[in-house]
PDB file of N, CA and C in Angstrom:
ATOM      1  N   MET A   1     -82.854  41.774 -11.250  1.00  0.00           N
ATOM      2  CA  MET A   1     -81.428  42.058 -11.165  1.00  0.00           C
ATOM      3  C   MET A   1     -80.670  40.958 -11.904  1.00  0.00           C
ATOM      4  N   HIS A   2     -80.226  41.246 -13.115  1.00  0.00           N
ATOM      5  CA  HIS A   2     -79.513  40.233 -13.892  1.00  0.00           C
ATOM      6  C   HIS A   2     -78.077  40.045 -13.407  1.00  0.00           C
ATOM      7  N   GLU A   3     -77.612  40.929 -12.545  1.00  0.00           N
ATOM      8  CA  GLU A   3     -76.255  40.796 -12.012  1.00  0.00           C
ATOM      9  C   GLU A   3     -76.087  39.526 -11.184  1.00  0.00           C
ATOM     10  N   LEU A   4     -77.145  39.128 -10.458  1.00  0.00           N
ATOM     11  CA  LEU A   4     -77.053  37.905  -9.657  1.00  0.00           C
ATOM     12  C   LEU A   4     -76.871  36.682 -10.555  1.00  0.00           C
ATOM     13  N   SER A   5     -77.562  36.630 -11.684  1.00  0.00           N
ATOM     14  CA  SER A   5     -77.368  35.500 -12.602  1.00  0.00           C
ATOM     15  C   SER A   5     -75.977  35.558 -13.235  1.00  0.00           C
ATOM     16  N   ILE A   6     -75.444  36.743 -13.440  1.00  0.00           N
ATOM     17  CA  ILE A   6     -74.075  36.873 -13.963  1.00  0.00           C
ATOM     18  C   ILE A   6     -73.078  36.322 -12.947  1.00  0.00           C
ATOM     19  N   VAL A   7     -73.267  36.679 -11.682  1.00  0.00           N
ATOM     20  CA  VAL A   7     -72.376  36.181 -10.627  1.00  0.00           C
ATOM     21  C   VAL A   7     -72.464  34.660 -10.524  1.00  0.00           C
ATOM     22  N   LYS A   8     -73.670  34.111 -10.605  1.00  0.00           N
ATOM     23  CA  LYS A   8     -73.818  32.649 -10.580  1.00  0.00           C
ATOM     24  C   LYS A   8     -73.101  32.017 -11.761  1.00  0.00           C
ATOM     25  N   ASP A   9     -73.198  32.638 -12.938  1.00  0.00           N
ATOM     26  CA  ASP A   9     -72.487  32.133 -14.118  1.00  0.00           C
ATOM     27  C   ASP A   9     -70.973  32.194 -13.924  1.00  0.00           C
ATOM     28  N   ILE A  10     -70.497  33.246 -13.283  1.00  0.00           N
ATOM     29  CA  ILE A  10     -69.057  33.362 -13.002  1.00  0.00           C
ATOM     30  C   ILE A  10     -68.612  32.184 -12.142  1.00  0.00           C
ATOM     31  N   PHE A  11     -69.368  31.890 -11.091  1.00  0.00           N
ATOM     32  CA  PHE A  11     -68.974  30.787 -10.206  1.00  0.00           C
ATOM     33  C   PHE A  11     -69.145  29.430 -10.881  1.00  0.00           C
ATOM     34  N   ASP A  12     -70.127  29.290 -11.759  1.00  0.00           N
ATOM     35  CA  ASP A  12     -70.258  28.050 -12.530  1.00  0.00           C
ATOM     36  C   ASP A  12     -69.032  27.860 -13.430  1.00  0.00           C
ATOM     37  N   THR A  13     -68.591  28.926 -14.047  1.00  0.00           N
ATOM     38  CA  THR A  13     -67.412  28.870 -14.922  1.00  0.00           C
ATOM     39  C   THR A  13     -66.165  28.537 -14.116  1.00  0.00           C
ATOM     40  N   LEU A  14     -66.003  29.194 -12.976  1.00  0.00           N
ATOM     41  CA  LEU A  14     -64.842  28.911 -12.123  1.00  0.00           C
ATOM     42  C   LEU A  14     -64.861  27.468 -11.634  1.00  0.00           C
ATOM     43  N   SER A  15     -66.030  26.971 -11.267  1.00  0.00           N
ATOM     44  CA  SER A  15     -66.147  25.583 -10.809  1.00  0.00           C
ATOM     45  C   SER A  15     -65.795  24.600 -11.913  1.00  0.00           C
ATOM     46  N   ALA A  16     -66.192  24.914 -13.127  1.00  0.00           N
ATOM     47  CA  ALA A  16     -65.900  24.028 -14.257  1.00  0.00           C
ATOM     48  C   ALA A  16     -64.416  24.014 -14.606  1.00  0.00           C
ATOM     49  N   HIS A  17     -63.755  25.163 -14.498  1.00  0.00           N
ATOM     50  CA  HIS A  17     -62.349  25.249 -14.906  1.00  0.00           C
ATOM     51  C   HIS A  17     -61.363  24.982 -13.773  1.00  0.00           C
ATOM     52  N   TYR A  18     -61.765  25.286 -12.546  1.00  0.00           N
ATOM     53  CA  TYR A  18     -60.846  25.152 -11.409  1.00  0.00           C
ATOM     54  C   TYR A  18     -61.482  24.325 -10.296  1.00  0.00           C
ATOM     55  N   ALA A  19     -62.116  23.243 -10.631  1.00  0.00           N
ATOM     56  CA  ALA A  19     -62.893  22.439  -9.683  1.00  0.00           C
ATOM     57  C   ALA A  19     -62.121  22.113  -8.404  1.00  0.00           C
ATOM     58  N   THR A  20     -60.901  21.685  -8.535  1.00  0.00           N
ATOM     59  CA  THR A  20     -60.143  21.273  -7.351  1.00  0.00           C
ATOM     60  C   THR A  20     -59.433  22.435  -6.664  1.00  0.00           C
ATOM     61  N   LYS A  21     -59.375  23.584  -7.343  1.00  0.00           N
ATOM     62  CA  LYS A  21     -58.647  24.720  -6.770  1.00  0.00           C
ATOM     63  C   LYS A  21     -59.534  25.926  -6.482  1.00  0.00           C
ATOM     64  N   ILE A  22     -60.846  25.772  -6.596  1.00  0.00           N
ATOM     65  CA  ILE A  22     -61.733  26.930  -6.445  1.00  0.00           C
ATOM     66  C   ILE A  22     -61.630  27.564  -5.060  1.00  0.00           C
ATOM     67  N   ASP A  23     -61.359  26.765  -4.038  1.00  0.00           N
ATOM     68  CA  ASP A  23     -61.224  27.310  -2.688  1.00  0.00           C
ATOM     69  C   ASP A  23     -59.937  28.119  -2.514  1.00  0.00           C
ATOM     70  N   ASP A  24     -59.028  28.006  -3.454  1.00  0.00           N
ATOM     71  CA  ASP A  24     -57.766  28.747  -3.389  1.00  0.00           C
ATOM     72  C   ASP A  24     -57.819  30.074  -4.143  1.00  0.00           C
ATOM     73  N   ILE A  25     -58.971  30.400  -4.709  1.00  0.00           N
ATOM     74  CA  ILE A  25     -59.084  31.656  -5.446  1.00  0.00           C
ATOM     75  C   ILE A  25     -59.218  32.803  -4.454  1.00  0.00           C
ATOM     76  N   GLN A  26     -58.366  33.796  -4.637  1.00  0.00           N
ATOM     77  CA  GLN A  26     -58.365  34.973  -3.766  1.00  0.00           C
ATOM     78  C   GLN A  26     -59.152  36.122  -4.392  1.00  0.00           C
ATOM     79  N   LYS A  27     -58.970  36.301  -5.708  1.00  0.00           N
ATOM     80  CA  LYS A  27     -59.587  37.457  -6.361  1.00  0.00           C
ATOM     81  C   LYS A  27     -60.006  37.111  -7.777  1.00  0.00           C
ATOM     82  N   ILE A  28     -61.153  37.645  -8.165  1.00  0.00           N
ATOM     83  CA  ILE A  28     -61.665  37.469  -9.518  1.00  0.00           C
ATOM     84  C   ILE A  28     -61.774  38.851 -10.134  1.00  0.00           C
ATOM     85  N   GLN A  29     -61.236  38.983 -11.327  1.00  0.00           N
ATOM     86  CA  GLN A  29     -61.368  40.243 -12.054  1.00  0.00           C
ATOM     87  C   GLN A  29     -62.293  40.014 -13.244  1.00  0.00           C
ATOM     88  N   VAL A  30     -63.295  40.858 -13.364  1.00  0.00           N
ATOM     89  CA  VAL A  30     -64.249  40.784 -14.451  1.00  0.00           C
ATOM     90  C   VAL A  30     -64.136  42.065 -15.263  1.00  0.00           C
ATOM     91  N   THR A  31     -64.078  41.916 -16.581  1.00  0.00           N
ATOM     92  CA  THR A  31     -64.041  43.074 -17.473  1.00  0.00           C
ATOM     93  C   THR A  31     -65.407  43.206 -18.127  1.00  0.00           C
ATOM     94  N   ALA A  32     -65.956  44.409 -18.028  1.00  0.00           N
ATOM     95  CA  ALA A  32     -67.290  44.684 -18.579  1.00  0.00           C
ATOM     96  C   ALA A  32     -67.230  45.957 -19.412  1.00  0.00           C
ATOM     97  N   GLY A  33     -67.694  45.866 -20.640  1.00  0.00           N
ATOM     98  CA  GLY A  33     -67.783  47.053 -21.484  1.00  0.00           C
ATOM     99  C   GLY A  33     -68.983  47.889 -21.098  1.00  0.00           C
ATOM    100  N   LEU A  34     -68.914  49.168 -21.403  1.00  0.00           N
ATOM    101  CA  LEU A  34     -70.018  50.067 -21.069  1.00  0.00           C
ATOM    102  C   LEU A  34     -71.343  49.645 -21.711  1.00  0.00           C
ATOM    103  N   LEU A  35     -71.275  48.964 -22.847  1.00  0.00           N
ATOM    104  CA  LEU A  35     -72.490  48.522 -23.521  1.00  0.00           C
ATOM    105  C   LEU A  35     -73.030  47.195 -22.986  1.00  0.00           C
ATOM    106  N   SER A  36     -72.309  46.557 -22.075  1.00  0.00           N
ATOM    107  CA  SER A  36     -72.737  45.257 -21.546  1.00  0.00           C
ATOM    108  C   SER A  36     -73.885  45.373 -20.557  1.00  0.00           C
ATOM    109  N   ASN A  37     -74.199  46.593 -20.168  1.00  0.00           N
ATOM    110  CA  ASN A  37     -75.316  46.833 -19.251  1.00  0.00           C
ATOM    111  C   ASN A  37     -75.043  46.291 -17.857  1.00  0.00           C
ATOM    112  N   VAL A  38     -73.783  46.205 -17.470  1.00  0.00           N
ATOM    113  CA  VAL A  38     -73.417  45.752 -16.134  1.00  0.00           C
ATOM    114  C   VAL A  38     -72.965  46.969 -15.325  1.00  0.00           C
ATOM    115  N   GLN A  39     -73.597  47.158 -14.189  1.00  0.00           N
ATOM    116  CA  GLN A  39     -73.235  48.241 -13.281  1.00  0.00           C
ATOM    117  C   GLN A  39     -72.282  47.681 -12.224  1.00  0.00           C
ATOM    118  N   PRO A  40     -71.064  48.236 -12.116  1.00  0.00           N
ATOM    119  CA  PRO A  40     -70.099  47.703 -11.140  1.00  0.00           C
ATOM    120  C   PRO A  40     -70.636  47.614  -9.718  1.00  0.00           C
ATOM    121  N   VAL A  41     -71.370  48.603  -9.256  1.00  0.00           N
ATOM    122  CA  VAL A  41     -71.910  48.576  -7.889  1.00  0.00           C
ATOM    123  C   VAL A  41     -72.916  47.444  -7.736  1.00  0.00           C
ATOM    124  N   LEU A  42     -73.760  47.253  -8.742  1.00  0.00           N
ATOM    125  CA  LEU A  42     -74.774  46.204  -8.653  1.00  0.00           C
ATOM    126  C   LEU A  42     -74.159  44.813  -8.721  1.00  0.00           C
ATOM    127  N   ILE A  43     -73.134  44.641  -9.553  1.00  0.00           N
ATOM    128  CA  ILE A  43     -72.499  43.318  -9.626  1.00  0.00           C
ATOM    129  C   ILE A  43     -71.721  43.047  -8.334  1.00  0.00           C
ATOM    130  N   GLN A  44     -71.143  44.086  -7.726  1.00  0.00           N
ATOM    131  CA  GLN A  44     -70.462  43.904  -6.438  1.00  0.00           C
ATOM    132  C   GLN A  44     -71.468  43.506  -5.364  1.00  0.00           C
ATOM    133  N   ASN A  45     -72.639  44.146  -5.353  1.00  0.00           N
ATOM    134  CA  ASN A  45     -73.686  43.790  -4.390  1.00  0.00           C
ATOM    135  C   ASN A  45     -74.165  42.357  -4.602  1.00  0.00           C
ATOM    136  N   ALA A  46     -74.325  41.951  -5.853  1.00  0.00           N
ATOM    137  CA  ALA A  46     -74.738  40.580  -6.159  1.00  0.00           C
ATOM    138  C   ALA A  46     -73.661  39.589  -5.732  1.00  0.00           C
ATOM    139  N   PHE A  47     -72.402  39.942  -5.963  1.00  0.00           N
ATOM    140  CA  PHE A  47     -71.275  39.104  -5.543  1.00  0.00           C
ATOM    141  C   PHE A  47     -71.282  38.943  -4.023  1.00  0.00           C
ATOM    142  N   ASP A  48     -71.451  40.055  -3.300  1.00  0.00           N
ATOM    143  CA  ASP A  48     -71.476  40.002  -1.837  1.00  0.00           C
ATOM    144  C   ASP A  48     -72.627  39.139  -1.327  1.00  0.00           C
ATOM    145  N   ALA A  49     -73.787  39.249  -1.963  1.00  0.00           N
ATOM    146  CA  ALA A  49     -74.941  38.428  -1.574  1.00  0.00           C
ATOM    147  C   ALA A  49     -74.669  36.948  -1.844  1.00  0.00           C
ATOM    148  N   PHE A  50     -74.033  36.662  -2.988  1.00  0.00           N
ATOM    149  CA  PHE A  50     -73.737  35.272  -3.345  1.00  0.00           C
ATOM    150  C   PHE A  50     -72.774  34.648  -2.345  1.00  0.00           C
ATOM    151  N   ILE A  51     -71.698  35.364  -2.004  1.00  0.00           N
ATOM    152  CA  ILE A  51     -70.722  34.768  -1.084  1.00  0.00           C
ATOM    153  C   ILE A  51     -71.264  34.714   0.346  1.00  0.00           C
ATOM    154  N   ALA A  52     -72.234  35.567   0.680  1.00  0.00           N
ATOM    155  CA  ALA A  52     -72.877  35.474   2.002  1.00  0.00           C
ATOM    156  C   ALA A  52     -73.676  34.172   2.109  1.00  0.00           C
ATOM    157  N   ASP A  53     -74.253  33.737   0.984  1.00  0.00           N
ATOM    158  CA  ASP A  53     -75.015  32.489   0.954  1.00  0.00           C
ATOM    159  C   ASP A  53     -74.128  31.263   0.727  1.00  0.00           C
ATOM    160  N   ASN A  54     -72.914  31.479   0.277  1.00  0.00           N
ATOM    161  CA  ASN A  54     -71.975  30.393  -0.020  1.00  0.00           C
ATOM    162  C   ASN A  54     -70.677  30.681   0.725  1.00  0.00           C
ATOM    163  N   ARG A  55     -70.671  30.375   1.997  1.00  0.00           N
ATOM    164  CA  ARG A  55     -69.582  30.767   2.906  1.00  0.00           C
ATOM    165  C   ARG A  55     -68.207  30.246   2.495  1.00  0.00           C
ATOM    166  N   GLN A  56     -68.153  29.202   1.696  1.00  0.00           N
ATOM    167  CA  GLN A  56     -66.849  28.686   1.292  1.00  0.00           C
ATOM    168  C   GLN A  56     -66.087  29.691   0.416  1.00  0.00           C
ATOM    169  N   TYR A  57     -66.799  30.696  -0.113  1.00  0.00           N
ATOM    170  CA  TYR A  57     -66.173  31.710  -0.966  1.00  0.00           C
ATOM    171  C   TYR A  57     -65.955  33.039  -0.246  1.00  0.00           C
ATOM    172  N   ARG A  58     -66.129  33.067   1.071  1.00  0.00           N
ATOM    173  CA  ARG A  58     -66.143  34.332   1.810  1.00  0.00           C
ATOM    174  C   ARG A  58     -64.830  35.122   1.722  1.00  0.00           C
ATOM    175  N   ASP A  59     -63.731  34.478   1.401  1.00  0.00           N
ATOM    176  CA  ASP A  59     -62.449  35.187   1.323  1.00  0.00           C
ATOM    177  C   ASP A  59     -62.150  35.722  -0.078  1.00  0.00           C
ATOM    178  N   MET A  60     -63.025  35.462  -1.022  1.00  0.00           N
ATOM    179  CA  MET A  60     -62.806  35.938  -2.400  1.00  0.00           C
ATOM    180  C   MET A  60     -63.174  37.402  -2.539  1.00  0.00           C
ATOM    181  N   GLU A  61     -62.445  38.054  -3.434  1.00  0.00           N
ATOM    182  CA  GLU A  61     -62.717  39.442  -3.764  1.00  0.00           C
ATOM    183  C   GLU A  61     -63.112  39.535  -5.235  1.00  0.00           C
ATOM    184  N   LEU A  62     -63.842  40.589  -5.549  1.00  0.00           N
ATOM    185  CA  LEU A  62     -64.228  40.852  -6.928  1.00  0.00           C
ATOM    186  C   LEU A  62     -63.747  42.234  -7.318  1.00  0.00           C
ATOM    187  N   GLU A  63     -63.173  42.322  -8.508  1.00  0.00           N
ATOM    188  CA  GLU A  63     -62.793  43.609  -9.084  1.00  0.00           C
ATOM    189  C   GLU A  63     -63.444  43.700 -10.461  1.00  0.00           C
ATOM    190  N   VAL A  64     -64.118  44.801 -10.720  1.00  0.00           N
ATOM    191  CA  VAL A  64     -64.765  45.000 -12.015  1.00  0.00           C
ATOM    192  C   VAL A  64     -64.026  46.104 -12.756  1.00  0.00           C
ATOM    193  N   ILE A  65     -63.522  45.766 -13.938  1.00  0.00           N
ATOM    194  CA  ILE A  65     -62.860  46.721 -14.824  1.00  0.00           C
ATOM    195  C   ILE A  65     -63.873  47.110 -15.896  1.00  0.00           C
ATOM    196  N   VAL A  66     -64.069  48.395 -16.083  1.00  0.00           N
ATOM    197  CA  VAL A  66     -65.033  48.863 -17.080  1.00  0.00           C
ATOM    198  C   VAL A  66     -64.281  49.398 -18.294  1.00  0.00           C
ATOM    199  N   ASN A  67     -64.591  48.829 -19.459  1.00  0.00           N
ATOM    200  CA  ASN A  67     -63.980  49.266 -20.723  1.00  0.00           C
ATOM    201  C   ASN A  67     -64.841  50.328 -21.402  1.00  0.00           C
ATOM    202  N   ASP A  68     -64.173  51.330 -21.940  1.00  0.00           N
ATOM    203  CA  ASP A  68     -64.852  52.348 -22.733  1.00  0.00           C
ATOM    204  C   ASP A  68     -65.369  51.736 -24.035  1.00  0.00           C
ATOM    205  N   ILE A  69     -66.209  52.477 -24.707  1.00  0.00           N
ATOM    206  CA  ILE A  69     -66.717  52.057 -26.013  1.00  0.00           C
ATOM    207  C   ILE A  69     -65.774  52.597 -27.081  1.00  0.00           C
ATOM    208  N   ILE A  70     -65.275  51.703 -27.918  1.00  0.00           N
ATOM    209  CA  ILE A  70     -64.411  52.078 -29.034  1.00  0.00           C
ATOM    210  C   ILE A  70     -65.037  51.536 -30.314  1.00  0.00           C
ATOM    211  N   ALA A  71     -65.108  52.395 -31.304  1.00  0.00           N
ATOM    212  CA  ALA A  71     -65.658  52.009 -32.607  1.00  0.00           C
ATOM    213  C   ALA A  71     -64.597  52.213 -33.677  1.00  0.00           C
ATOM    214  N   HIS A  72     -64.836  51.621 -34.841  1.00  0.00           N
ATOM    215  CA  HIS A  72     -63.920  51.743 -35.974  1.00  0.00           C
ATOM    216  C   HIS A  72     -64.620  52.492 -37.104  1.00  0.00           C
ATOM    217  N   CYS A  73     -63.907  53.420 -37.693  1.00  0.00           N
ATOM    218  CA  CYS A  73     -64.453  54.205 -38.799  1.00  0.00           C
ATOM    219  C   CYS A  73     -63.953  53.638 -40.123  1.00  0.00           C
ATOM    220  N   ASP A  74     -64.882  53.229 -40.978  1.00  0.00           N
ATOM    221  CA  ASP A  74     -64.504  52.719 -42.299  1.00  0.00           C
ATOM    222  C   ASP A  74     -63.986  53.824 -43.209  1.00  0.00           C
ATOM    223  N   HIS A  75     -64.425  55.040 -42.968  1.00  0.00           N
ATOM    224  CA  HIS A  75     -64.038  56.158 -43.828  1.00  0.00           C
ATOM    225  C   HIS A  75     -62.555  56.509 -43.667  1.00  0.00           C
ATOM    226  N   CYS A  76     -62.115  56.720 -42.424  1.00  0.00           N
ATOM    227  CA  CYS A  76     -60.708  57.115 -42.200  1.00  0.00           C
ATOM    228  C   CYS A  76     -59.846  55.971 -41.671  1.00  0.00           C
ATOM    229  N   GLN A  77     -60.460  54.797 -41.466  1.00  0.00           N
ATOM    230  CA  GLN A  77     -59.751  53.590 -41.012  1.00  0.00           C
ATOM    231  C   GLN A  77     -59.085  53.750 -39.646  1.00  0.00           C
ATOM    232  N   LYS A  78     -59.731  54.520 -38.755  1.00  0.00           N
ATOM    233  CA  LYS A  78     -59.197  54.706 -37.406  1.00  0.00           C
ATOM    234  C   LYS A  78     -60.229  54.270 -36.372  1.00  0.00           C
ATOM    235  N   ASP A  79     -59.712  53.845 -35.216  1.00  0.00           N
ATOM    236  CA  ASP A  79     -60.564  53.562 -34.076  1.00  0.00           C
ATOM    237  C   ASP A  79     -60.735  54.853 -33.276  1.00  0.00           C
ATOM    238  N   PHE A  80     -61.904  55.001 -32.651  1.00  0.00           N
ATOM    239  CA  PHE A  80     -62.144  56.209 -31.863  1.00  0.00           C
ATOM    240  C   PHE A  80     -63.014  55.876 -30.657  1.00  0.00           C
ATOM    241  N   ASN A  81     -62.844  56.671 -29.584  1.00  0.00           N
ATOM    242  CA  ASN A  81     -63.671  56.519 -28.388  1.00  0.00           C
ATOM    243  C   ASN A  81     -65.046  57.099 -28.662  1.00  0.00           C
ATOM    244  N   VAL A  82     -66.058  56.357 -28.285  1.00  0.00           N
ATOM    245  CA  VAL A  82     -67.434  56.820 -28.433  1.00  0.00           C
ATOM    246  C   VAL A  82     -67.770  57.640 -27.186  1.00  0.00           C
ATOM    247  N   GLN A  83     -68.190  58.861 -27.401  1.00  0.00           N
ATOM    248  CA  GLN A  83     -68.536  59.758 -26.302  1.00  0.00           C
ATOM    249  C   GLN A  83     -70.041  59.974 -26.276  1.00  0.00           C
ATOM    250  N   TYR A  84     -70.649  59.848 -25.104  1.00  0.00           N
ATOM    251  CA  TYR A  84     -72.088  60.097 -24.912  1.00  0.00           C
ATOM    252  C   TYR A  84     -72.951  59.278 -25.872  1.00  0.00           C
ATOM    253  N   HIS A  85     -72.498  58.065 -26.175  1.00  0.00           N
ATOM    254  CA  HIS A  85     -73.206  57.133 -27.062  1.00  0.00           C
ATOM    255  C   HIS A  85     -73.435  57.704 -28.465  1.00  0.00           C
ATOM    256  N   ARG A  86     -72.562  58.587 -28.895  1.00  0.00           N
ATOM    257  CA  ARG A  86     -72.599  59.123 -30.263  1.00  0.00           C
ATOM    258  C   ARG A  86     -71.537  58.375 -31.069  1.00  0.00           C
ATOM    259  N   PHE A  87     -71.977  57.526 -31.949  1.00  0.00           N
ATOM    260  CA  PHE A  87     -71.087  56.706 -32.759  1.00  0.00           C
ATOM    261  C   PHE A  87     -70.686  57.465 -34.016  1.00  0.00           C
ATOM    262  N   VAL A  88     -70.080  58.628 -33.801  1.00  0.00           N
ATOM    263  CA  VAL A  88     -69.629  59.463 -34.908  1.00  0.00           C
ATOM    264  C   VAL A  88     -68.138  59.713 -34.722  1.00  0.00           C
ATOM    265  N   CYS A  89     -67.365  59.362 -35.737  1.00  0.00           N
ATOM    266  CA  CYS A  89     -65.921  59.527 -35.726  1.00  0.00           C
ATOM    267  C   CYS A  89     -65.570  61.020 -35.705  1.00  0.00           C
ATOM    268  N   PRO A  90     -64.413  61.366 -35.165  1.00  0.00           N
ATOM    269  CA  PRO A  90     -63.973  62.759 -35.234  1.00  0.00           C
ATOM    270  C   PRO A  90     -63.898  63.291 -36.670  1.00  0.00           C
ATOM    271  N   CYS A  91     -63.769  62.396 -37.660  1.00  0.00           N
ATOM    272  CA  CYS A  91     -63.749  62.840 -39.058  1.00  0.00           C
ATOM    273  C   CYS A  91     -65.147  63.215 -39.547  1.00  0.00           C
ATOM    274  N   GLY A  92     -66.175  62.939 -38.708  1.00  0.00           N
ATOM    275  CA  GLY A  92     -67.539  63.320 -39.041  1.00  0.00           C
ATOM    276  C   GLY A  92     -68.417  62.197 -39.561  1.00  0.00           C
ATOM    277  N   GLN A  93     -67.848  61.030 -39.810  1.00  0.00           N
ATOM    278  CA  GLN A  93     -68.609  59.904 -40.362  1.00  0.00           C
ATOM    279  C   GLN A  93     -69.172  59.019 -39.250  1.00  0.00           C
ATOM    280  N   PRO A  94     -70.412  58.564 -39.414  1.00  0.00           N
ATOM    281  CA  PRO A  94     -70.986  57.636 -38.430  1.00  0.00           C
ATOM    282  C   PRO A  94     -70.379  56.236 -38.579  1.00  0.00           C
ATOM    283  N   SER A  95     -70.436  55.479 -37.499  1.00  0.00           N
ATOM    284  CA  SER A  95     -69.896  54.121 -37.525  1.00  0.00           C
ATOM    285  C   SER A  95     -70.768  53.203 -36.684  1.00  0.00           C
ATOM    286  N   THR A  96     -70.901  51.969 -37.127  1.00  0.00           N
ATOM    287  CA  THR A  96     -71.622  50.956 -36.357  1.00  0.00           C
ATOM    288  C   THR A  96     -70.708  49.791 -35.976  1.00  0.00           C
ATOM    289  N   GLN A  97     -69.416  49.915 -36.265  1.00  0.00           N
ATOM    290  CA  GLN A  97     -68.473  48.829 -35.973  1.00  0.00           C
ATOM    291  C   GLN A  97     -67.880  49.006 -34.578  1.00  0.00           C
ATOM    292  N   ILE A  98     -68.383  48.226 -33.646  1.00  0.00           N
ATOM    293  CA  ILE A  98     -67.900  48.293 -32.274  1.00  0.00           C
ATOM    294  C   ILE A  98     -66.663  47.405 -32.145  1.00  0.00           C
ATOM    295  N   VAL A  99     -65.579  47.985 -31.675  1.00  0.00           N
ATOM    296  CA  VAL A  99     -64.326  47.260 -31.467  1.00  0.00           C
ATOM    297  C   VAL A  99     -64.235  46.790 -30.018  1.00  0.00           C
ATOM    298  N   GLN A 100     -64.725  47.623 -29.108  1.00  0.00           N
ATOM    299  CA  GLN A 100     -64.669  47.326 -27.675  1.00  0.00           C
ATOM    300  C   GLN A 100     -65.849  48.008 -26.996  1.00  0.00           C
ATOM    301  N   GLY A 101     -66.374  47.352 -25.970  1.00  0.00           N
ATOM    302  CA  GLY A 101     -67.409  47.995 -25.181  1.00  0.00           C
ATOM    303  C   GLY A 101     -68.622  47.145 -24.889  1.00  0.00           C
ATOM    304  N   ASN A 102     -68.784  46.012 -25.590  1.00  0.00           N
ATOM    305  CA  ASN A 102     -69.944  45.159 -25.314  1.00  0.00           C
ATOM    306  C   ASN A 102     -69.531  43.822 -24.684  1.00  0.00           C
ATOM    307  N   GLU A 103     -68.288  43.725 -24.252  1.00  0.00           N
ATOM    308  CA  GLU A 103     -67.783  42.475 -23.692  1.00  0.00           C
ATOM    309  C   GLU A 103     -68.118  42.331 -22.214  1.00  0.00           C
ATOM    310  N   LEU A 104     -68.120  41.107 -21.770  1.00  0.00           N
ATOM    311  CA  LEU A 104     -68.271  40.760 -20.361  1.00  0.00           C
ATOM    312  C   LEU A 104     -67.589  39.410 -20.176  1.00  0.00           C
ATOM    313  N   PHE A 105     -66.470  39.409 -19.457  1.00  0.00           N
ATOM    314  CA  PHE A 105     -65.731  38.160 -19.281  1.00  0.00           C
ATOM    315  C   PHE A 105     -64.879  38.192 -18.019  1.00  0.00           C
ATOM    316  N   ILE A 106     -64.498  37.006 -17.568  1.00  0.00           N
ATOM    317  CA  ILE A 106     -63.557  36.883 -16.461  1.00  0.00           C
ATOM    318  C   ILE A 106     -62.177  37.149 -17.055  1.00  0.00           C
ATOM    319  N   SER A 107     -61.550  38.229 -16.617  1.00  0.00           N
ATOM    320  CA  SER A 107     -60.270  38.605 -17.210  1.00  0.00           C
ATOM    321  C   SER A 107     -59.062  38.133 -16.410  1.00  0.00           C
ATOM    322  N   LYS A 108     -59.283  37.831 -15.116  1.00  0.00           N
ATOM    323  CA  LYS A 108     -58.149  37.375 -14.308  1.00  0.00           C
ATOM    324  C   LYS A 108     -58.663  36.610 -13.101  1.00  0.00           C
ATOM    325  N   VAL A 109     -57.938  35.565 -12.755  1.00  0.00           N
ATOM    326  CA  VAL A 109     -58.209  34.795 -11.533  1.00  0.00           C
ATOM    327  C   VAL A 109     -56.901  34.739 -10.762  1.00  0.00           C
ATOM    328  N   ILE A 110     -56.915  35.245  -9.548  1.00  0.00           N
ATOM    329  CA  ILE A 110     -55.702  35.279  -8.705  1.00  0.00           C
ATOM    330  C   ILE A 110     -55.889  34.276  -7.575  1.00  0.00           C
ATOM    331  N   PHE A 111     -54.900  33.407  -7.429  1.00  0.00           N
ATOM    332  CA  PHE A 111     -54.947  32.376  -6.388  1.00  0.00           C
ATOM    333  C   PHE A 111     -54.155  32.804  -5.161  1.00  0.00           C
ATOM    334  N   LYS A 112     -54.561  32.284  -4.019  1.00  0.00           N
ATOM    335  CA  LYS A 112     -53.855  32.548  -2.768  1.00  0.00           C
ATOM    336  C   LYS A 112     -52.444  31.980  -2.862  1.00  0.00           C
ATOM    337  N   GLN A 113     -51.514  32.687  -2.263  1.00  0.00           N
ATOM    338  CA  GLN A 113     -50.135  32.204  -2.210  1.00  0.00           C
ATOM    339  C   GLN A 113     -49.966  31.391  -0.926  1.00  0.00           C
ATOM    340  N   HIS A 114     -49.660  30.114  -1.089  1.00  0.00           N
ATOM    341  CA  HIS A 114     -49.471  29.244   0.075  1.00  0.00           C
ATOM    342  C   HIS A 114     -47.998  29.220   0.449  1.00  0.00           C
ATOM    343  N   VAL A 115     -47.730  29.469   1.710  1.00  0.00           N
ATOM    344  CA  VAL A 115     -46.362  29.447   2.212  1.00  0.00           C
ATOM    345  C   VAL A 115     -46.004  28.041   2.632  1.00  0.00           C
ATOM    346  N   SER A 116     -44.856  27.574   2.150  1.00  0.00           N
ATOM    347  CA  SER A 116     -44.441  26.206   2.467  1.00  0.00           C
ATOM    348  C   SER A 116     -43.655  26.155   3.738  1.00  0.00           C
TER     349      SER A 116
END
């Protein structure tokens, strides 16, 4: 299950960037393209397992946003949604230029609001 190593990498990244504020993180949003081979249910399960073993993160939530696959056609110079993994533009020309769909990154970190 490579999702567990992805979750560990997410927390390593958060620790490196927000070392003193990591306990104040309420929600993490991760964006994953369809080609990234990340299954939202599996990454959520890995996240839940990780925070069960690391109780200091028990109040954090995870949201996974899945991006469609978009390719660019050199023939007609338009971007198009890839359907059923067929990289063929509506104009009929094949394309190998992926514009979106293979990414995997932390897209948002939401911190708890502290009342003064």
